[in-house]
Protein backbone atom coordinates (compact mmCIF):
# COMPACT_ATOMS: atom_id res chain seq x y z
CA MET A 1 101.15 31.60 84.83
CA ASN A 2 104.69 31.69 86.08
CA THR A 3 106.19 35.30 86.09
CA VAL A 4 109.39 34.33 87.59
CA PRO A 5 112.18 35.41 85.79
CA ASN A 6 114.44 32.51 84.29
CA ILE A 7 118.00 31.81 85.59
CA GLN A 8 119.94 29.62 83.52
CA ARG A 9 123.52 28.53 85.05
CA ASN A 10 125.71 25.26 85.60
CA LEU A 11 125.76 24.84 89.26
CA ASN A 12 128.38 21.99 90.56
CA HIS A 13 126.13 20.85 93.33
CA ILE A 14 128.44 19.55 95.88
CA SER A 15 128.29 20.97 99.12
CA TYR A 16 132.04 21.18 99.76
CA ILE A 17 135.15 20.51 97.43
CA ALA A 18 138.85 20.08 98.91
CA GLY A 19 140.44 23.48 99.45
CA ILE A 20 137.22 25.47 99.87
CA SER A 21 138.02 27.73 103.24
CA ALA A 22 136.25 28.20 106.08
CA GLY A 23 136.27 31.93 105.51
CA ALA A 24 134.14 31.38 102.22
CA LEU A 25 131.57 29.31 104.29
CA ALA A 26 131.25 32.21 106.67
CA ALA A 27 131.25 34.81 103.57
CA ALA A 28 128.22 32.45 102.41
CA ALA A 29 126.33 32.15 105.71
CA THR A 30 127.33 36.15 105.93
CA LYS A 31 125.32 36.81 102.74
CA ALA A 32 122.18 34.76 103.79
CA ALA A 33 121.70 36.74 107.21
CA ALA A 34 122.21 40.00 105.27
CA ALA A 35 119.74 39.02 102.46
CA SER A 36 117.47 37.91 104.84
CA LEU A 37 117.60 40.69 107.36
CA LEU A 38 117.91 43.66 104.43
CA LEU A 39 116.06 42.48 101.33
CA LYS A 40 113.69 39.55 103.08
CA ILE A 41 115.30 37.10 100.94
CA ASP A 42 115.78 33.73 102.55
CA TYR A 43 118.38 31.44 100.79
CA GLU A 44 118.72 27.80 101.27
CA SER A 45 122.32 27.75 99.45
CA VAL A 46 124.52 30.67 98.30
CA ASP A 47 126.97 30.51 95.50
CA PHE A 48 130.79 30.49 95.37
CA HIS A 49 132.98 31.25 92.52
CA THR A 50 136.42 29.80 92.84
CA GLU A 51 139.52 30.84 91.13
CA ASP A 52 139.61 27.83 89.06
CA ASP A 53 136.07 28.46 87.57
CA LYS A 54 133.78 26.18 89.79
CA LEU A 55 130.68 27.36 90.69
CA ILE A 56 129.71 25.48 94.08
CA SER A 57 126.51 25.59 96.08
CA ILE A 58 126.86 26.00 99.50
CA PRO A 59 123.50 24.93 101.10
CA VAL A 60 122.54 27.49 104.25
CA ARG A 61 119.97 26.96 107.27
CA GLN A 62 118.24 29.87 109.18
CA ILE A 63 118.80 29.87 113.02
CA PRO A 64 115.29 31.34 114.00
CA HIS A 65 114.93 34.54 116.63
CA PRO A 66 111.56 35.26 116.83
CA GLU A 67 112.73 37.62 119.87
CA SER A 68 114.37 39.90 117.44
CA THR A 69 113.51 41.86 114.17
CA PHE A 70 117.18 43.40 114.07
CA LEU A 71 119.29 40.55 113.12
CA ARG A 72 119.57 37.09 110.91
CA GLU A 73 121.57 34.46 112.08
CA PHE A 74 122.49 31.44 109.25
CA ALA A 75 124.49 28.39 109.65
CA VAL A 76 126.59 26.51 107.21
CA SER A 77 127.20 22.71 108.09
CA ILE A 78 130.45 21.26 107.48
CA GLY A 79 130.00 17.73 107.07
CA ASN A 80 132.36 15.16 106.94
CA SER A 81 134.43 18.02 104.54
CA SER A 82 138.41 18.63 106.23
CA VAL A 83 138.26 22.42 106.13
CA PRO A 84 141.31 24.24 107.53
CA GLY A 85 141.08 26.11 110.43
CA LEU A 86 137.85 23.80 111.39
CA ASN A 87 138.79 20.96 112.96
CA GLY A 88 136.45 19.62 115.69
CA ILE A 89 133.96 22.36 114.20
CA SER A 90 130.18 20.69 113.02
CA GLU A 91 128.82 24.70 112.08
CA ILE A 92 130.21 27.76 111.06
CA HIS A 93 127.37 30.71 111.84
CA ALA A 94 127.06 34.10 110.84
CA VAL A 95 124.71 36.51 113.08
CA VAL A 96 124.25 39.66 111.26
CA GLU A 97 122.40 42.73 113.06
CA ARG A 98 121.65 46.43 112.59
CA VAL A 99 123.30 48.20 115.10
CA ARG A 100 121.22 51.51 116.79
CA ARG A 101 124.21 52.93 118.94
CA LEU A 102 128.19 53.27 118.24
CA SER A 103 128.28 52.80 121.77
CA ASP A 104 127.09 48.94 121.04
CA ILE A 105 130.29 48.18 119.07
CA PRO A 106 132.81 46.43 121.42
CA ASP A 107 136.83 47.17 120.68
CA LYS A 108 138.80 44.60 119.01
CA LEU A 109 136.62 43.84 115.91
CA PHE A 110 137.55 44.32 112.36
CA ILE A 111 136.59 47.51 110.15
CA VAL A 112 137.82 48.67 106.74
CA PRO A 113 137.51 51.81 105.12
CA GLU A 114 135.96 50.25 102.04
CA TYR A 115 132.96 49.51 103.92
CA ILE A 116 132.46 52.04 107.22
CA ASN A 117 129.30 50.72 108.00
CA LEU A 118 130.24 47.02 109.01
CA TYR A 119 131.59 45.82 111.53
CA LEU A 120 133.02 42.05 111.81
CA ASP A 121 133.76 40.35 115.19
CA GLY A 122 133.66 36.60 116.35
CA ASP A 123 132.22 34.80 119.66
CA ASP A 124 134.30 33.04 122.27
CA SER A 125 134.29 29.47 119.55
CA ILE A 126 136.37 31.63 117.56
CA ALA A 127 140.13 31.67 118.55
CA ARG A 128 141.89 34.99 119.33
CA ASN A 129 145.21 36.10 117.73
CA PRO A 130 148.51 35.52 119.42
CA GLU A 131 150.74 38.36 120.24
CA GLY A 132 152.98 38.37 116.87
CA SER A 133 150.14 36.92 114.81
CA ASP A 134 150.34 36.82 111.06
CA ILE A 135 146.58 36.88 110.78
CA GLY A 136 145.64 40.11 112.64
CA PRO A 137 145.88 42.16 115.71
CA PHE A 138 146.50 40.91 118.65
CA MET A 139 143.76 39.65 120.51
CA TYR A 140 141.24 40.20 117.74
CA PRO A 141 139.24 37.57 116.25
CA ALA A 142 141.45 34.80 114.42
CA ILE A 143 139.98 35.69 110.97
CA ASP A 144 142.79 36.18 108.34
CA LYS A 145 142.77 39.21 105.82
CA LYS A 146 141.63 36.98 102.72
CA ALA A 147 138.32 35.60 104.70
CA ARG A 148 137.51 39.31 106.01
CA THR A 149 137.56 40.20 102.35
CA LEU A 150 135.29 37.58 101.34
CA ILE A 151 132.79 38.34 104.41
CA PHE A 152 132.66 42.34 103.97
CA GLN A 153 132.19 41.65 100.18
CA ALA A 154 128.89 39.54 100.94
CA ALA A 155 127.45 41.83 102.83
CA ALA A 156 128.06 44.93 101.02
CA ASP A 157 126.96 43.02 97.73
CA VAL A 158 123.38 42.98 99.77
CA LEU A 159 123.42 46.54 101.17
CA HIS A 160 123.71 47.61 97.31
CA PHE A 161 120.34 46.63 96.82
CA ALA A 162 118.88 47.49 100.23
CA ASP A 163 116.64 50.84 100.72
CA VAL A 164 118.80 51.58 103.82
CA MET A 165 122.56 52.11 104.69
CA PRO A 166 122.28 50.81 108.50
CA LEU A 167 125.72 50.03 110.96
CA LEU A 168 125.51 46.40 110.56
CA LYS A 169 127.65 44.06 112.87
CA ILE A 170 128.98 40.79 111.94
CA THR A 171 129.81 38.15 114.71
CA LEU A 172 131.18 34.58 113.61
CA SER A 173 130.48 31.80 115.66
CA CYS A 174 130.98 27.86 115.53
CA ALA A 175 129.48 24.44 117.03
CA SER A 176 131.63 22.08 117.95
CA ILE A 177 131.35 17.98 116.99
CA ASN A 178 129.77 16.18 120.19
CA GLN A 179 129.38 19.21 122.08
CA ARG A 180 133.41 19.15 122.91
CA PRO A 181 135.02 22.44 123.10
CA ALA A 182 137.13 23.88 120.30
CA LEU A 183 138.05 26.91 118.51
CA ALA A 184 137.79 27.79 115.02
CA THR A 185 140.50 29.82 112.96
CA ILE A 186 138.43 31.46 109.60
CA THR A 187 140.86 31.46 107.11
CA GLY A 188 140.34 32.77 103.19
CA CYS A 189 140.98 31.34 99.63
CA MET A 190 140.85 32.67 96.32
CA GLY A 191 137.03 33.33 94.65
CA ASN A 192 134.01 35.25 95.68
CA ILE A 193 130.28 34.60 97.06
CA VAL A 194 128.48 34.95 93.75
CA PRO A 195 126.75 38.43 94.37
CA THR A 196 123.27 39.28 95.10
CA SER A 197 121.84 40.15 91.89
CA GLN A 198 118.66 41.82 90.31
CA ASN A 199 117.11 38.47 89.39
CA ASP A 200 117.14 37.42 92.79
CA ILE A 201 115.05 40.42 93.82
CA LEU A 202 112.53 40.26 90.87
CA ILE A 203 112.10 36.18 91.85
CA GLU A 204 111.47 37.12 95.37
CA ILE A 205 108.97 39.52 94.18
CA ALA A 206 107.31 37.42 91.67
CA LYS A 207 107.14 34.49 94.32
CA THR A 208 105.36 36.72 96.70
CA ILE A 209 102.92 37.90 94.38
CA GLU A 210 102.00 34.42 93.03
CA GLU A 211 101.54 33.02 96.48
CA GLN A 212 99.35 35.81 97.00
CA TYR A 213 97.27 35.00 94.02
CA GLU A 214 97.12 31.61 94.83
CA SER A 215 95.83 32.23 98.48
CA GLY A 216 93.20 34.66 96.81
CA ILE A 217 94.37 38.00 97.36
CA ARG A 218 93.56 40.18 94.44
CA HIS A 219 94.09 44.10 95.64
CA VAL A 220 97.87 44.53 95.96
CA LEU A 221 99.49 46.37 98.40
CA ALA A 222 102.83 47.33 97.45
CA VAL A 223 105.54 49.80 99.36
CA PRO A 224 108.95 50.18 97.88
CA GLY A 225 111.03 50.54 101.28
CA ASN A 226 110.34 50.92 104.85
CA SER A 227 108.58 54.10 105.06
CA GLY A 228 105.90 53.40 103.12
CA HIS A 229 105.49 50.46 105.38
CA LYS A 230 105.84 52.41 108.60
CA TYR A 231 103.49 55.13 107.43
CA ILE A 232 100.55 52.74 106.33
CA GLN A 233 100.73 50.88 109.33
CA ASP A 234 100.92 54.23 111.93
CA ALA A 235 98.50 55.72 109.97
CA THR A 236 95.94 52.49 109.62
CA HIS A 237 97.22 50.21 112.17
CA ILE A 238 96.67 47.01 109.79
CA SER A 239 98.83 43.93 109.79
CA MET A 240 101.68 44.70 106.86
CA ALA A 241 101.79 40.93 106.58
CA HIS A 242 100.40 40.61 102.95
CA ILE A 243 102.19 43.61 101.69
CA ILE A 244 104.73 43.49 98.61
CA ARG A 245 108.23 45.01 98.70
CA CYS A 246 108.56 45.82 95.79
CA ARG A 247 112.11 47.82 96.40
CA ASN A 248 113.00 50.00 93.36
CA TYR A 249 111.60 47.63 90.74
CA LEU A 250 108.07 49.58 90.79
CA GLY A 251 107.62 48.83 87.06
CA ASP A 252 108.69 44.90 87.09
CA THR A 253 106.26 44.70 90.29
CA ILE A 254 103.38 46.34 88.22
CA ASP A 255 103.85 43.92 85.41
CA MET A 256 104.22 40.72 87.51
CA ALA A 257 101.15 41.98 89.40
CA ALA A 258 98.80 42.57 86.14
CA THR A 259 100.14 39.12 84.52
CA VAL A 260 99.36 37.25 87.31
CA GLY A 261 95.49 38.57 87.18
CA MET A 262 95.47 41.03 90.27
CA GLU A 263 92.53 43.20 90.46
CA ASN A 264 93.87 46.34 92.39
CA PHE A 265 97.38 47.51 92.57
CA LEU A 266 97.94 50.56 95.25
CA LEU A 267 101.60 51.68 95.48
CA VAL A 268 102.29 53.73 98.85
CA GLY A 269 105.80 55.31 98.83
CA ASN A 270 108.60 57.62 99.72
CA ALA A 271 107.87 60.93 97.48
CA SER A 272 111.66 60.02 96.45
CA LYS A 273 111.05 57.33 94.75
CA ILE A 274 107.60 57.94 93.57
CA ILE A 275 107.58 61.18 92.00
CA ARG A 276 110.80 59.73 89.72
CA LEU A 277 107.48 57.61 88.29
CA ALA A 278 106.33 60.82 86.54
CA ALA A 279 110.01 60.70 84.46
CA GLY A 280 108.89 57.10 83.48
CA ILE A 281 111.47 55.96 85.51
CA MET A 282 110.53 52.63 86.85
CA ASP A 283 113.34 51.61 88.33
CA THR A 284 114.17 53.93 91.16
CA HIS A 285 117.55 53.20 92.01
CA THR A 286 119.82 56.39 91.87
CA TRP A 287 122.25 54.69 90.12
CA ASN A 288 119.83 54.01 87.23
CA ALA A 289 118.70 57.28 86.92
CA ASP A 290 116.97 60.42 89.33
CA GLY A 291 115.47 63.25 87.98
CA ARG A 292 113.58 64.48 90.99
CA ARG A 293 114.72 67.79 89.74
CA GLU A 294 114.03 67.61 86.46
CA VAL A 295 110.00 66.17 87.37
CA LEU A 296 109.40 69.07 90.24
CA SER A 297 111.26 71.90 88.48
CA LEU A 298 108.91 71.27 85.49
CA HIS A 299 105.86 70.61 87.32
CA THR A 300 106.08 73.73 88.85
CA VAL A 301 105.97 76.06 85.90
CA LEU A 302 102.99 73.73 84.71
CA ALA A 303 101.34 74.45 87.82
CA GLY A 304 101.71 78.44 87.68
CA GLY A 305 104.83 78.59 89.01
CA THR A 306 107.65 80.86 87.65
CA ILE A 307 110.91 79.88 85.40
CA SER A 308 113.16 81.41 88.34
CA GLN A 309 111.46 79.26 90.37
CA ALA A 310 111.90 76.35 88.25
CA ARG A 311 116.03 77.29 88.16
CA ILE A 312 115.95 77.41 92.16
CA ILE A 313 114.47 73.92 92.26
CA GLN A 314 117.30 72.62 89.31
CA ASP A 315 119.77 73.55 92.15
CA ILE A 316 118.43 72.21 94.83
CA ALA A 317 120.23 68.74 96.07
CA THR A 318 117.08 66.51 98.30
CA THR A 319 113.76 66.22 98.11
CA GLU A 320 113.39 67.30 101.60
CA GLN A 321 114.46 70.89 100.47
CA MET A 322 112.27 71.35 97.09
CA LEU A 323 108.99 69.93 99.11
CA SER A 324 110.21 72.62 101.82
CA LYS A 325 110.90 75.14 99.01
CA LEU A 326 107.31 74.34 97.24
CA THR A 327 105.88 74.73 100.46
CA GLU A 328 107.25 78.44 101.31
CA TRP A 329 105.75 79.40 97.88
CA GLY A 330 102.66 77.85 98.45
CA LEU A 331 102.72 75.61 95.45
CA ARG A 332 103.41 71.89 96.87
CA ASP A 333 99.72 70.65 96.53
CA ALA A 334 99.14 72.20 92.90
CA VAL A 335 102.91 70.76 91.82
CA LEU A 336 101.98 67.31 93.53
CA ARG A 337 98.74 67.39 91.58
CA SER A 338 100.51 67.61 88.54
CA VAL A 339 102.77 65.18 89.09
CA CYS A 340 100.98 62.45 90.31
CA TYR A 341 98.69 63.14 87.00
CA LYS A 342 101.61 62.63 85.08
CA ILE A 343 102.46 59.17 87.08
CA GLY A 344 99.09 57.88 86.06
CA ASP A 345 99.81 58.04 82.38
CA TYR A 346 103.01 56.68 83.18
CA VAL A 347 101.65 53.63 84.95
CA ARG A 348 98.65 53.24 82.98
CA ASN A 349 100.67 52.90 79.77
CA ARG A 350 102.69 50.68 81.74
CA ILE A 351 99.73 48.12 82.47
CA GLY A 352 99.06 48.22 78.86
CA GLY A 353 95.37 48.00 78.53
CA ARG A 354 95.50 44.95 80.92
CA PRO A 355 92.30 45.12 83.63
CA MET A 356 94.13 45.63 86.65
CA LYS A 357 93.28 49.15 88.33
CA PHE A 358 95.98 51.07 90.03
CA GLY A 359 96.76 53.78 92.88
CA VAL A 360 100.19 55.64 93.63
CA ILE A 361 100.31 57.63 96.82
CA PRO A 362 103.59 59.59 97.37
CA ILE A 363 104.02 60.48 100.86
CA HIS A 364 106.81 62.39 102.95
CA TYR A 365 107.76 61.81 107.01
CA ASN A 366 106.81 65.50 107.85
CA TYR A 367 104.00 66.37 104.80
CA GLY A 368 102.27 63.04 105.11
CA ILE A 369 100.13 62.26 102.02
CA LEU A 370 101.74 64.70 99.61
CA GLY A 371 98.95 63.46 96.59
CA GLN A 372 97.29 60.33 94.83
CA THR A 373 96.95 59.51 91.24
CA PRO A 374 93.30 60.02 89.64
CA ASP A 375 90.26 57.68 90.30
CA ILE A 376 92.08 55.95 93.04
CA SER A 377 89.04 55.91 95.44
CA ASN A 378 87.61 52.36 94.23
CA VAL A 379 91.24 50.98 94.36
CA MET A 380 92.17 52.05 97.98
CA ALA A 381 88.34 50.38 99.20
CA ALA A 382 89.09 47.22 97.55
CA VAL A 383 92.50 47.44 98.74
CA SER A 384 91.65 48.26 102.51
CA ARG A 385 88.86 46.13 102.56
CA GLU A 386 91.13 43.14 102.08
CA GLN A 387 94.39 43.74 103.81
CA PHE A 388 91.55 44.53 107.13
CA ALA A 389 90.10 41.28 106.42
CA LEU A 390 93.67 39.80 105.66
CA SER A 391 94.72 41.43 109.24
CA ILE A 392 91.88 40.04 111.42
CA LYS A 393 92.63 36.47 110.32
CA GLN A 394 96.32 37.03 111.83
């Protein structure tokens, strides 16, 4: 059964048209690199919506960097097209990398107030602005304002769906025709890169689940974000090559796994996301719904706490602070048992009578495992056996 969501769209399937800009091509490569780094989505093409309402599919190609997990590079081929500013250029590349220290950020690169965690630079194949240039400041990369807007927006749209908000450096470069040195000027045009969408994420999740099922995997290990992944890896030393990254789409991932025929489903994730399941919130994006304070204050009372304590929880801003307060009162374990019981109810209802068994484990980087849904032992055993066997095969 195909669980991949259908997307109906009419694309003008040509590589380029007269008037497409170097900035649009650079933004396409930037989106692909950012999506691969942060969302594990590897695009083969990126759509550009022109101001005259044409939708163009721009092919992109990944440049492997097996030595680094902190960057991704994608390229766009110019082909025989005539693109302003790219005379003598065969390809335009974008590298998106995570920046660990602000001291690693060089001078003379672009930042904008709207995206304070994004930096844009160009290597030696990008021209530098001469004094008095109307493109940008003196000796900055020759990337004009329209191009910068396209590139920053392409990266920001990907970040919208990421689990983290890291510092990212975007570096543009170009390859010359026949290895003859040529300097590029990156100019933009009206239009926009079509943003990463919920469907893009769901398609990638569904594709991964189907590939696992077809390879014989029947016991799913799912994590919403990086904390669940790191906790499992550190605690078990099992390869995480076969996990399902469900992002914030916990309910959709459960649906897909149950529909395709998986037998067991184990979800391990940061308490900030997992707790929301106890309110029936299956899409855990904060802008969709939060519910953490409501869940923990209600279950404080259900676990024997007082109304006054519940009101204190209601006024606390972060999960970390709420758990700290519950620990101080000696209520944390009782509250999380109650929360996990309710999570079990909601997930069971979501599965809706289909035969897949499940388990859910909220974790916290200070407190470790906070609890688990009832009747989880067989699920954990099945998932652990299969994941360990898969790790040995690596």
